[in-house]
Amino acid sequence: MELVLIPVAFLAFAILSIEGADIVTPLRIGAWNAQRLGKTKMSKPAVVSIMVQVLRRYDVVAVLEVQDVSEETPKLLLSALNEGLTDTYNLSLSRRVGRRTYKEQYAIYYKPSRATLVSAQQYSDPVDAFEYDPYVLVFEDSNQLRFGTVSIHTKPDNAAQEIDALVDVYENLRLHLLGAGDVIILGDFNAGCNYVTNSEWANVRLRQDSRFSWLISDHVDTTVRGTACPYDRIVVSGANLTSAVYSGSAKAYYFEEELGLKDHALIDDVSDHYPVEVRLRGAVAPEVLAKVTSNVAIDVSFEATQEGLTSNTECGNAEVCIDTPDHVLMRWRVHNINDAKGLITVFASNNRLLVPSEAVSVLFYKLEEGALTDSTLYGADHTPSVYTIALLCLPPSCSLSISAPTLVN
């Protein structure tokens, strides 16, 4: 018997139009050191085209290392970004910052349809802790979550001290959030390799303070060529924001692989850094949830033999049972995962020719590994109250699945 295993985690819903209702998709936030972004880079159409493709991934994105005395470059990039779009971006641009003649700006591009800009300010840096003073914005997303963002590009030779000082920026921002701690700190921290050594991390408050979660690990390469360093990071704090982070979504975006780029000279012209990104949980409006049920399921598929189809005579307590020589559909509902496993075990034992033991073993393995208990899918405080077990045979294959109602992200 050929066993084909198809584990599926899906969000099942079908909505064409419901007046006054809305589905909020996950909010993708990113940061990208665009490497000396100025008029020279903007004069290269192929480079700009790639940058636009990358930046359009994001609903909110901080672009770092903007270098243009005239301050025209960020606006030119905004025009390129919005060309042909109906759902357009806005720009929030920091002052040109830096202790010496050399200055940089932070350019934050965001979609007002996805996130409302509440306020923007240049951090005042009262003790001159930063080479390029962080740019601090407050957004409110479609779920009415108000959160702050701190964009930062540290000075490489002073990276450990500047990363440590970001805690002071955070404390200052909390005042503007009325004491709430929902903040994302993101950008080019220069947080690794020779710039921050292992011994220095012990003295970095942002790293040691349990209020902060580092979403990009020390093992992620955020540099394009020549090195393998985790310079670019995303750090989050605050109960509301932390619970909204989509598990496993924080990563570097390897644009040359994703876009199929082969020209190394062109890749080098784009940037020497990869963007880093994270997604925040979406939501479904109550009007939608009142009319539909979304489910996450795991599923195994296997060969439907004629012998197995004709031998099946046991429907048990199935609430739906259609059993013909060439078509089987059965469905059960139980209220906890142990009852689900017990029901599947008994049914498979009574119908050995129809349901192979290998299929049951794989299904149970997925359950034991948490396929239906991921807090990203269900929410940290949500336990499914009903599980649906289904067997469907349409030769030449059958599928056995178990699903439960879940949040839609």
Protein backbone atom coordinates (compact mmCIF):
# COMPACT_ATOMS: atom_id res chain seq x y z
CA MET A 1 0.00 0.00 0.00
CA GLU A 2 1.38 3.39 -0.95
CA LEU A 3 0.97 5.84 1.90
CA VAL A 4 0.87 9.51 0.90
CA LEU A 5 1.09 11.87 3.87
CA ILE A 6 -0.31 15.34 3.43
CA PRO A 7 -0.33 17.29 6.72
CA VAL A 8 -2.38 20.41 6.18
CA ALA A 9 -2.74 23.47 8.40
CA PHE A 10 -5.33 25.73 6.83
CA LEU A 11 -7.76 28.48 7.64
CA ALA A 12 -11.09 27.47 6.20
CA PHE A 13 -13.52 30.26 5.57
CA ALA A 14 -15.58 31.46 2.64
CA ILE A 15 -16.86 35.01 2.64
CA LEU A 16 -17.94 36.85 -0.47
CA SER A 17 -19.42 39.99 1.01
CA ILE A 18 -20.99 40.79 4.34
CA GLU A 19 -22.20 44.34 4.77
CA GLY A 20 -20.29 46.17 7.48
CA ALA A 21 -17.93 43.26 8.15
CA ASP A 22 -14.21 43.08 7.67
CA ILE A 23 -11.29 40.69 7.79
CA VAL A 24 -8.00 42.21 8.96
CA THR A 25 -5.01 40.37 7.52
CA PRO A 26 -1.71 40.21 9.45
CA LEU A 27 0.30 43.43 9.59
CA ARG A 28 3.83 42.97 8.20
CA ILE A 29 6.44 45.30 9.66
CA GLY A 30 10.04 45.53 8.47
CA ALA A 31 13.31 47.42 8.66
CA TRP A 32 15.98 47.68 5.99
CA ASN A 33 19.40 49.28 5.89
CA ALA A 34 19.34 50.36 2.25
CA GLN A 35 23.10 51.12 2.21
CA ARG A 36 23.81 54.73 1.32
CA LEU A 37 20.44 55.44 -0.19
CA GLY A 38 20.81 58.63 -2.17
CA LYS A 39 20.54 60.11 -5.64
CA THR A 40 23.14 57.74 -7.11
CA LYS A 41 21.12 54.68 -6.13
CA MET A 42 17.87 56.30 -7.23
CA SER A 43 19.38 56.94 -10.68
CA LYS A 44 19.60 53.18 -11.35
CA PRO A 45 16.19 51.93 -12.58
CA ALA A 46 16.99 48.24 -12.05
CA VAL A 47 17.99 48.89 -8.45
CA VAL A 48 14.90 51.00 -7.75
CA SER A 49 12.69 48.30 -9.28
CA ILE A 50 14.08 45.69 -6.89
CA MET A 51 13.77 48.02 -3.91
CA VAL A 52 10.13 48.68 -4.75
CA GLN A 53 9.39 44.96 -5.00
CA VAL A 54 10.96 44.39 -1.59
CA LEU A 55 9.38 47.36 0.18
CA ARG A 56 5.90 46.54 -1.09
CA ARG A 57 6.00 43.43 1.13
CA TYR A 58 5.46 45.66 4.12
CA ASP A 59 2.62 47.63 5.64
CA VAL A 60 5.11 49.56 7.77
CA VAL A 61 8.83 49.60 6.96
CA ALA A 62 11.76 51.62 8.29
CA VAL A 63 14.38 52.40 5.64
CA LEU A 64 17.75 53.24 7.15
CA GLU A 65 20.94 54.95 5.99
CA VAL A 66 19.22 57.53 3.81
CA GLN A 67 21.90 59.98 2.65
CA ASP A 68 20.77 63.00 0.68
CA VAL A 69 21.40 66.62 1.72
CA SER A 70 18.50 67.75 -0.48
CA GLU A 71 16.15 65.22 1.19
CA GLU A 72 14.65 64.44 -2.23
CA THR A 73 15.57 60.75 -2.31
CA PRO A 74 12.96 59.52 0.23
CA LYS A 75 10.23 61.34 -1.70
CA LEU A 76 11.41 59.92 -5.01
CA LEU A 77 11.33 56.44 -3.51
CA LEU A 78 7.80 57.11 -2.22
CA SER A 79 6.70 58.03 -5.76
CA ALA A 80 8.24 54.86 -7.15
CA LEU A 81 6.67 52.82 -4.38
CA ASN A 82 3.19 54.22 -5.08
CA GLU A 83 3.32 54.04 -8.86
CA GLY A 84 0.35 51.99 -10.08
CA LEU A 85 -1.01 51.36 -6.58
CA THR A 86 -4.45 52.27 -5.33
CA ASP A 87 -3.59 51.36 -1.73
CA THR A 88 -0.70 53.80 -1.42
CA TYR A 89 2.03 54.51 1.13
CA ASN A 90 2.74 57.62 3.17
CA LEU A 91 6.17 58.75 4.35
CA SER A 92 7.33 59.90 7.77
CA LEU A 93 10.85 61.31 7.52
CA SER A 94 13.19 62.00 10.42
CA ARG A 95 15.58 64.90 10.66
CA ARG A 96 19.06 64.42 9.26
CA VAL A 97 21.02 63.18 12.26
CA GLY A 98 24.68 62.59 13.04
CA ARG A 99 27.36 64.22 15.19
CA ARG A 100 29.56 65.27 12.30
CA THR A 101 29.18 66.48 8.72
CA TYR A 102 28.02 63.03 7.64
CA LYS A 103 24.29 62.72 8.32
CA GLU A 104 21.62 60.05 7.89
CA GLN A 105 17.82 59.96 7.93
CA TYR A 106 15.22 57.38 8.82
CA ALA A 107 12.43 57.06 6.24
CA ILE A 108 9.34 55.23 7.46
CA TYR A 109 6.93 54.13 4.73
CA TYR A 110 3.50 52.97 5.84
CA LYS A 111 0.05 52.29 4.46
CA PRO A 112 -2.57 54.47 6.18
CA SER A 113 -5.14 51.82 5.26
CA ARG A 114 -3.31 49.36 7.55
CA ALA A 115 -1.78 51.54 10.27
CA THR A 116 -2.67 55.05 11.41
CA LEU A 117 0.26 57.28 12.34
CA VAL A 118 -0.55 58.81 15.73
CA SER A 119 2.68 60.71 16.40
CA ALA A 120 6.29 61.03 15.30
CA GLN A 121 9.29 62.50 17.09
CA GLN A 122 13.05 62.52 16.92
CA TYR A 123 14.48 61.20 20.17
CA SER A 124 16.13 64.15 21.91
CA ASP A 125 19.11 62.08 23.15
CA PRO A 126 19.81 64.16 26.27
CA VAL A 127 23.12 62.42 27.08
CA ASP A 128 24.33 62.11 23.47
CA ALA A 129 24.20 58.31 23.56
CA PHE A 130 23.56 57.85 19.84
CA GLU A 131 25.39 58.72 16.65
CA TYR A 132 22.10 58.68 14.73
CA ASP A 133 19.34 59.57 17.17
CA PRO A 134 16.47 57.04 16.97
CA TYR A 135 13.24 57.98 15.23
CA VAL A 136 10.16 57.24 17.32
CA LEU A 137 6.67 56.77 15.90
CA VAL A 138 3.37 55.66 17.41
CA PHE A 139 0.89 53.72 15.26
CA GLU A 140 -2.56 52.30 15.76
CA ASP A 141 -3.42 49.26 13.67
CA SER A 142 -6.76 48.01 12.40
CA ASN A 143 -7.25 46.01 15.62
CA GLN A 144 -6.95 49.26 17.58
CA LEU A 145 -3.63 48.16 19.05
CA ARG A 146 -1.56 51.26 19.74
CA PHE A 147 2.16 50.58 19.66
CA GLY A 148 5.42 52.48 19.32
CA THR A 149 8.24 51.88 16.89
CA VAL A 150 11.84 52.86 17.48
CA SER A 151 14.02 52.86 14.36
CA ILE A 152 17.74 52.68 15.01
CA HIS A 153 21.04 52.53 13.14
CA THR A 154 23.86 52.22 15.66
CA LYS A 155 27.42 53.35 15.19
CA PRO A 156 29.33 50.08 14.69
CA ASP A 157 32.21 50.95 17.03
CA ASN A 158 29.76 51.88 19.80
CA ALA A 159 27.06 49.29 19.11
CA ALA A 160 26.92 47.65 22.56
CA GLN A 161 26.55 50.98 24.36
CA GLU A 162 23.92 52.26 21.92
CA ILE A 163 21.89 49.04 22.10
CA ASP A 164 21.99 49.34 25.89
CA ALA A 165 20.77 52.96 25.69
CA LEU A 166 17.69 51.89 23.70
CA VAL A 167 16.13 51.01 27.06
CA ASP A 168 16.14 54.73 27.86
CA VAL A 169 14.40 55.44 24.56
CA TYR A 170 11.83 52.80 25.44
CA GLU A 171 11.16 54.33 28.86
CA ASN A 172 10.71 57.75 27.26
CA LEU A 173 8.31 56.35 24.68
CA ARG A 174 6.20 54.70 27.37
CA LEU A 175 5.25 58.17 28.57
CA HIS A 176 3.67 58.86 25.18
CA LEU A 177 1.88 55.50 25.33
CA LEU A 178 0.37 56.44 28.71
CA GLY A 179 2.46 53.83 30.48
CA ALA A 180 1.82 51.00 28.03
CA GLY A 181 4.91 49.08 27.00
CA ASP A 182 3.85 47.93 23.52
CA VAL A 183 6.94 48.86 21.51
CA ILE A 184 8.89 47.47 18.55
CA ILE A 185 12.58 48.41 18.36
CA LEU A 186 13.98 47.58 14.94
CA GLY A 187 16.76 48.37 12.55
CA ASP A 188 20.49 47.89 12.08
CA PHE A 189 21.80 47.26 15.59
CA ASN A 190 25.22 46.09 14.33
CA ALA A 191 24.46 43.41 16.92
CA GLY A 192 27.06 40.76 16.31
CA CYS A 193 30.38 39.61 14.91
CA ASN A 194 33.15 42.03 15.92
CA TYR A 195 30.85 44.90 16.90
CA VAL A 196 29.20 43.23 19.92
CA THR A 197 31.17 40.40 21.48
CA ASN A 198 29.77 37.64 23.68
CA SER A 199 31.29 39.19 26.80
CA GLU A 200 29.62 42.55 26.13
CA TRP A 201 26.06 41.19 26.04
CA ALA A 202 26.02 40.75 29.83
CA ASN A 203 26.08 44.55 30.23
CA VAL A 204 23.41 45.32 27.60
CA ARG A 205 20.13 46.08 29.39
CA LEU A 206 18.02 45.57 26.27
CA ARG A 207 19.34 42.02 26.12
CA GLN A 208 19.18 41.19 29.84
CA ASP A 209 15.86 42.82 30.76
CA SER A 210 13.07 40.22 30.63
CA ARG A 211 10.61 42.82 29.33
CA PHE A 212 12.21 42.58 25.89
CA SER A 213 11.92 39.70 23.43
CA TRP A 214 14.55 39.44 20.69
CA LEU A 215 12.76 38.02 17.64
CA ILE A 216 15.79 37.77 15.33
CA SER A 217 18.31 35.39 16.87
CA ASP A 218 22.11 35.59 16.96
CA HIS A 219 22.24 32.86 14.30
CA VAL A 220 20.42 34.76 11.55
CA ASP A 221 22.57 36.19 8.78
CA THR A 222 21.27 39.63 7.81
CA THR A 223 24.20 40.60 5.57
CA VAL A 224 24.18 39.99 1.83
CA ARG A 225 27.77 39.11 0.95
CA GLY A 226 31.16 38.62 2.56
CA THR A 227 30.02 38.15 6.16
CA ALA A 228 27.41 36.14 8.07
CA CYS A 229 26.41 38.51 10.85
CA PRO A 230 23.14 39.12 12.72
CA TYR A 231 23.41 42.89 12.55
CA ASP A 232 19.74 43.68 11.96
CA ARG A 233 17.25 42.93 14.71
CA ILE A 234 13.66 43.26 15.90
CA VAL A 235 12.92 43.52 19.63
CA VAL A 236 9.40 43.72 21.07
CA SER A 237 7.99 44.55 24.47
CA GLY A 238 4.53 44.80 26.00
CA ALA A 239 1.92 42.14 26.65
CA ASN A 240 -0.52 43.23 23.93
CA LEU A 241 2.13 43.50 21.24
CA THR A 242 3.96 40.33 22.21
CA SER A 243 0.73 38.31 22.07
CA ALA A 244 0.00 39.77 18.62
CA VAL A 245 3.29 38.57 17.12
CA TYR A 246 2.67 35.78 14.63
CA SER A 247 4.83 32.89 15.82
CA GLY A 248 7.77 32.15 13.53
CA SER A 249 7.18 35.19 11.33
CA ALA A 250 10.28 37.12 12.40
CA LYS A 251 13.05 36.56 9.88
CA ALA A 252 15.45 38.07 7.39
CA TYR A 253 14.03 38.44 3.89
CA TYR A 254 16.61 37.07 1.44
CA PHE A 255 15.50 39.16 -1.49
CA GLU A 256 17.92 37.85 -4.08
CA GLU A 257 16.70 34.29 -3.53
CA GLU A 258 13.03 35.25 -3.36
CA LEU A 259 13.23 37.38 -6.51
CA GLY A 260 15.51 34.98 -8.40
CA LEU A 261 18.35 37.50 -8.83
CA LYS A 262 21.59 36.15 -10.30
CA ASP A 263 23.53 39.31 -11.16
CA HIS A 264 25.86 39.79 -8.18
CA ALA A 265 26.80 43.31 -9.21
CA LEU A 266 23.13 44.29 -9.28
CA ILE A 267 22.51 42.61 -5.91
CA ASP A 268 25.44 44.52 -4.42
CA ASP A 269 24.03 47.76 -5.79
CA VAL A 270 20.74 47.17 -3.99
CA SER A 271 22.13 46.78 -0.45
CA ASP A 272 24.62 44.91 1.68
CA HIS A 273 21.84 44.14 4.21
CA TYR A 274 18.69 42.05 4.09
CA PRO A 275 15.46 43.43 5.50
CA VAL A 276 14.21 41.95 8.76
CA GLU A 277 10.48 41.55 9.32
CA VAL A 278 7.71 40.33 11.60
CA ARG A 279 3.95 39.91 11.30
CA LEU A 280 1.30 40.97 13.79
CA ARG A 281 -1.90 39.01 14.19
CA GLY A 282 -4.92 39.96 12.11
CA ALA A 283 -8.54 39.56 13.15
CA VAL A 284 -12.02 38.82 11.95
CA ALA A 285 -14.86 41.20 12.71
CA PRO A 286 -17.64 39.87 14.96
CA GLU A 287 -20.11 40.19 12.08
CA VAL A 288 -18.06 37.68 10.12
CA LEU A 289 -17.51 35.29 13.02
CA ALA A 290 -21.26 35.20 13.63
CA LYS A 291 -21.79 33.76 10.14
CA VAL A 292 -18.81 31.45 9.61
CA THR A 293 -16.52 29.13 11.52
CA SER A 294 -12.83 28.96 10.72
CA ASN A 295 -10.87 25.79 11.35
CA VAL A 296 -7.33 24.53 11.45
CA ALA A 297 -6.90 20.87 10.51
CA ILE A 298 -4.32 18.17 10.13
CA ASP A 299 -4.87 15.57 7.47
CA VAL A 300 -3.31 12.33 6.24
CA SER A 301 -4.11 10.84 2.84
CA PHE A 302 -3.73 7.21 1.86
CA GLU A 303 -4.68 4.79 -0.88
CA ALA A 304 -8.35 3.78 -1.06
CA THR A 305 -8.40 0.08 -1.89
CA GLN A 306 -11.51 -1.60 -3.23
CA GLU A 307 -11.14 -4.25 -0.55
CA GLY A 308 -11.11 -1.61 2.14
CA LEU A 309 -14.09 0.26 0.75
CA THR A 310 -16.26 -2.85 0.52
CA SER A 311 -15.21 -4.19 3.91
CA ASN A 312 -16.25 -1.11 5.84
CA THR A 313 -19.51 -1.65 7.72
CA GLU A 314 -18.90 0.28 10.93
CA CYS A 315 -20.28 3.80 11.24
CA GLY A 316 -20.26 3.81 15.02
CA ASN A 317 -21.71 7.01 16.43
CA ALA A 318 -20.89 9.15 13.38
CA GLU A 319 -23.23 12.12 12.99
CA VAL A 320 -22.79 11.84 9.22
CA CYS A 321 -22.37 8.44 7.59
CA ILE A 322 -22.47 7.82 3.84
CA ASP A 323 -21.07 4.42 2.93
CA THR A 324 -21.21 3.10 -0.62
CA PRO A 325 -18.80 0.80 -2.51
CA ASP A 326 -17.08 3.79 -4.11
CA HIS A 327 -17.75 6.68 -1.73
CA VAL A 328 -17.33 6.99 2.03
CA LEU A 329 -18.02 10.09 4.12
CA MET A 330 -18.12 9.96 7.91
CA ARG A 331 -17.95 12.75 10.47
CA TRP A 332 -17.81 12.78 14.27
CA ARG A 333 -17.60 15.57 16.85
CA VAL A 334 -15.95 15.25 20.26
CA HIS A 335 -15.07 17.76 22.97
CA ASN A 336 -11.45 17.04 23.81
CA ILE A 337 -8.35 15.73 22.12
CA ASN A 338 -8.22 12.49 24.14
CA ASP A 339 -11.74 11.56 23.03
CA ALA A 340 -10.70 12.28 19.45
CA LYS A 341 -7.72 9.94 19.68
CA GLY A 342 -9.84 7.27 21.33
CA LEU A 343 -12.52 7.44 18.65
CA ILE A 344 -9.96 7.25 15.83
CA THR A 345 -8.22 4.30 17.50
CA VAL A 346 -11.43 2.29 17.85
CA PHE A 347 -12.67 3.09 14.34
CA ALA A 348 -9.33 2.22 12.72
CA SER A 349 -9.15 -1.02 14.72
CA ASN A 350 -12.62 -2.03 13.50
CA ASN A 351 -11.81 -1.06 9.89
CA ARG A 352 -8.24 -2.25 9.40
CA LEU A 353 -8.60 -2.80 5.66
CA LEU A 354 -9.89 0.73 5.14
CA VAL A 355 -7.64 2.79 7.47
CA PRO A 356 -3.97 1.74 7.60
CA SER A 357 -2.21 1.89 10.95
CA GLU A 358 0.47 4.12 9.41
CA ALA A 359 -2.11 6.85 8.79
CA VAL A 360 -3.25 6.78 12.42
CA SER A 361 0.34 6.84 13.66
CA VAL A 362 1.18 9.93 11.63
CA LEU A 363 -2.01 11.73 12.65
CA PHE A 364 -1.30 11.06 16.33
CA TYR A 365 2.31 12.14 15.93
CA LYS A 366 1.14 15.48 14.55
CA LEU A 367 -1.26 15.89 17.46
CA GLU A 368 1.42 15.09 20.03
CA GLU A 369 3.77 17.60 18.40
CA GLY A 370 1.21 20.36 18.94
CA ALA A 371 -0.28 20.76 15.47
CA LEU A 372 -3.62 21.77 16.96
CA THR A 373 -2.34 23.62 20.02
CA ASP A 374 -0.13 26.32 18.48
CA SER A 375 -0.88 29.56 20.35
CA THR A 376 -0.33 31.44 17.09
CA LEU A 377 -3.42 29.74 15.69
CA TYR A 378 -5.58 29.52 18.77
CA GLY A 379 -4.43 32.36 20.99
CA ALA A 380 -2.60 31.92 24.26
CA ASP A 381 -5.75 31.57 26.36
CA HIS A 382 -7.98 29.67 23.95
CA THR A 383 -8.65 25.92 24.09
CA PRO A 384 -10.87 24.44 21.36
CA SER A 385 -14.22 23.26 22.71
CA VAL A 386 -15.00 20.90 19.84
CA TYR A 387 -12.96 18.72 17.48
CA THR A 388 -14.29 17.39 14.17
CA ILE A 389 -13.01 14.08 12.82
CA ALA A 390 -13.72 13.29 9.18
CA LEU A 391 -13.05 10.35 6.88
CA LEU A 392 -13.53 10.96 3.17
CA CYS A 393 -12.88 8.34 0.49
CA LEU A 394 -13.11 9.21 -3.18
CA PRO A 395 -11.05 6.57 -5.01
CA PRO A 396 -8.19 6.38 -5.59
CA SER A 397 -7.54 8.03 -2.20
CA CYS A 398 -8.93 8.55 1.28
CA SER A 399 -8.19 11.25 3.84
CA LEU A 400 -8.54 11.18 7.61
CA SER A 401 -8.55 14.57 9.30
CA ILE A 402 -9.10 16.23 12.63
CA SER A 403 -9.91 19.94 12.91
CA ALA A 404 -10.87 22.52 15.50
CA PRO A 405 -12.23 26.10 15.43
CA THR A 406 -9.47 28.68 15.60
CA LEU A 407 -8.58 32.33 15.24
CA VAL A 408 -8.08 33.67 11.72
CA ASN A 409 -4.70 35.38 11.30
